[in-house]
Structure formats: structure tokens, C-alpha cells
Amino acid sequence: MMPAMGCLIVLLSLAVPRFVLLLLWLTGYMERAYDSFLWPLLGFFFLPLTTVAYAVAQNEFDGGASSAGGVILIVIALLIDLGSLGNGARSRRAQPAD
């Protein structure tokens, strides 16, 4: 896969990360990044963008955690995932009680 394709995957996953995760699993892209099915399954429910970013880092940056580009990609995705979780909790607190 070309490096530009990895960028396209990450940009598309910003909009619909779980759909992209499903597509990557169907094409076998996730199998090349993860040794077991458990981590992508947990990532689907809890941190979908981080799961996609790790797969892209493993496949496109030759090992992910061993390259600076892969680490930066994973950290940014993790911050976005955690930020979206925090915004959901904040909006639930701000709703008036019935």
C-alpha cells in the first residue's frame, strides 16, 4: 500500500472511525498489524481512531512504535479519542435533569 493511502485512511477515519475499522478488517489490513483479534475488537468499542492509527503506523511506518511518525500518529489519535470521550461526558452533565 502506498504511503498516501495511509494518510487517506487516517483522514477518512476522523469522520467515521468504526466504519473504516470494519473496512480495514474485511480487507486484511488489521491482521497485518495485530497478532490477535482481541485488541481490534476492544478498539472498535473504546478507542476506534487509535486502533486505526496503530494499524496504519504498523503497516506504513515499518513497525509503528519504532518510528517517530508512527508514534506521533498514535499519540494524536489517542488524544482525539480521549477528547471525544471527555466531551460526551461533559455534555451529559450539562443536560438538565427531567
Protein backbone atom coordinates (compact mmCIF):
# COMPACT_ATOMS: atom_id res chain seq x y z
CA MET A 1 0.00 0.00 0.00
CA MET A 2 1.31 3.46 -0.84
CA PRO A 3 2.07 5.96 1.97
CA ALA A 4 -0.59 8.32 0.60
CA MET A 5 -3.12 5.57 1.14
CA GLY A 6 -2.29 5.53 4.86
CA CYS A 7 -2.99 9.27 5.04
CA LEU A 8 -6.30 8.75 3.26
CA ILE A 9 -7.26 6.04 5.73
CA VAL A 10 -6.48 8.28 8.71
CA LEU A 11 -8.40 11.25 7.26
CA LEU A 12 -11.44 9.12 6.49
CA SER A 13 -11.32 7.57 9.94
CA LEU A 14 -11.59 11.02 11.53
CA ALA A 15 -15.14 11.17 10.18
CA VAL A 16 -16.26 7.55 10.55
CA PRO A 17 -13.67 5.56 12.52
CA ARG A 18 -15.73 2.45 13.21
CA PHE A 19 -16.73 2.10 9.56
CA VAL A 20 -13.09 2.42 8.49
CA LEU A 21 -12.11 -0.11 11.14
CA LEU A 22 -14.63 -2.57 9.72
CA LEU A 23 -13.37 -2.00 6.16
CA LEU A 24 -9.77 -2.48 7.22
CA TRP A 25 -10.69 -5.72 8.97
CA LEU A 26 -12.51 -7.02 5.87
CA THR A 27 -9.51 -6.26 3.64
CA GLY A 28 -6.99 -7.94 5.97
CA TYR A 29 -5.15 -4.71 6.78
CA MET A 30 -5.80 -5.14 10.51
CA GLU A 31 -4.47 -8.71 10.53
CA ARG A 32 -1.06 -7.46 9.39
CA ALA A 33 -0.92 -5.01 12.32
CA TYR A 34 -2.37 -7.06 15.17
CA ASP A 35 -1.49 -10.58 16.29
CA SER A 36 -4.88 -11.35 17.85
CA PHE A 37 -8.47 -10.40 17.26
CA LEU A 38 -8.97 -9.11 20.82
CA TRP A 39 -7.20 -5.72 20.51
CA PRO A 40 -9.02 -4.57 17.36
CA LEU A 41 -12.32 -5.71 18.89
CA LEU A 42 -11.71 -3.71 22.07
CA GLY A 43 -10.52 -0.77 19.97
CA PHE A 44 -13.73 -0.88 17.95
CA PHE A 45 -15.75 -0.15 21.08
CA PHE A 46 -13.42 2.07 23.14
CA LEU A 47 -10.72 3.80 21.02
CA PRO A 48 -11.53 3.34 17.31
CA LEU A 49 -9.33 6.11 15.93
CA THR A 50 -6.33 4.96 17.97
CA THR A 51 -6.86 1.41 16.73
CA VAL A 52 -6.87 2.59 13.10
CA ALA A 53 -3.84 4.82 13.70
CA TYR A 54 -1.89 1.92 15.22
CA ALA A 55 -2.71 -0.28 12.22
CA VAL A 56 -1.58 2.46 9.81
CA ALA A 57 1.60 3.02 11.84
CA GLN A 58 2.39 -0.72 11.84
CA ASN A 59 1.73 -1.14 8.11
CA GLU A 60 3.02 2.16 6.72
CA PHE A 61 5.78 3.21 9.14
CA ASP A 62 7.51 -0.19 9.45
CA GLY A 63 6.65 -1.12 12.99
CA GLY A 64 4.78 1.88 14.35
CA ALA A 65 6.35 2.44 17.74
CA SER A 66 9.88 2.30 16.37
CA SER A 67 9.46 5.36 14.13
CA ALA A 68 8.76 8.96 15.10
CA GLY A 69 5.99 9.34 12.52
CA GLY A 70 4.15 6.30 13.84
CA VAL A 71 4.40 7.43 17.45
CA ILE A 72 3.16 10.92 16.60
CA LEU A 73 0.23 9.46 14.65
CA ILE A 74 -0.77 7.17 17.52
CA VAL A 75 -0.48 9.92 20.16
CA ILE A 76 -2.59 12.35 18.13
CA ALA A 77 -5.25 9.69 17.55
CA LEU A 78 -5.29 8.81 21.25
CA LEU A 79 -5.75 12.47 22.22
CA ILE A 80 -8.64 12.82 19.76
CA ASP A 81 -10.28 9.64 21.07
CA LEU A 82 -9.90 10.71 24.70
CA GLY A 83 -11.14 14.20 23.85
CA SER A 84 -14.28 12.84 22.25
CA LEU A 85 -14.93 10.66 25.31
CA GLY A 86 -14.49 13.68 27.58
CA ASN A 87 -16.81 15.85 25.51
CA GLY A 88 -19.54 13.20 25.71
CA ALA A 89 -19.29 13.07 29.50
CA ARG A 90 -19.31 16.85 29.74
CA SER A 91 -22.44 17.15 27.58
CA ARG A 92 -24.26 14.56 29.71
CA ARG A 93 -23.50 16.58 32.86
CA ALA A 94 -24.72 19.78 31.23
CA GLN A 95 -28.17 18.37 30.34
CA PRO A 96 -30.92 19.41 32.73
CA ALA A 97 -32.48 16.67 34.85
CA ASP A 98 -36.06 15.73 33.98
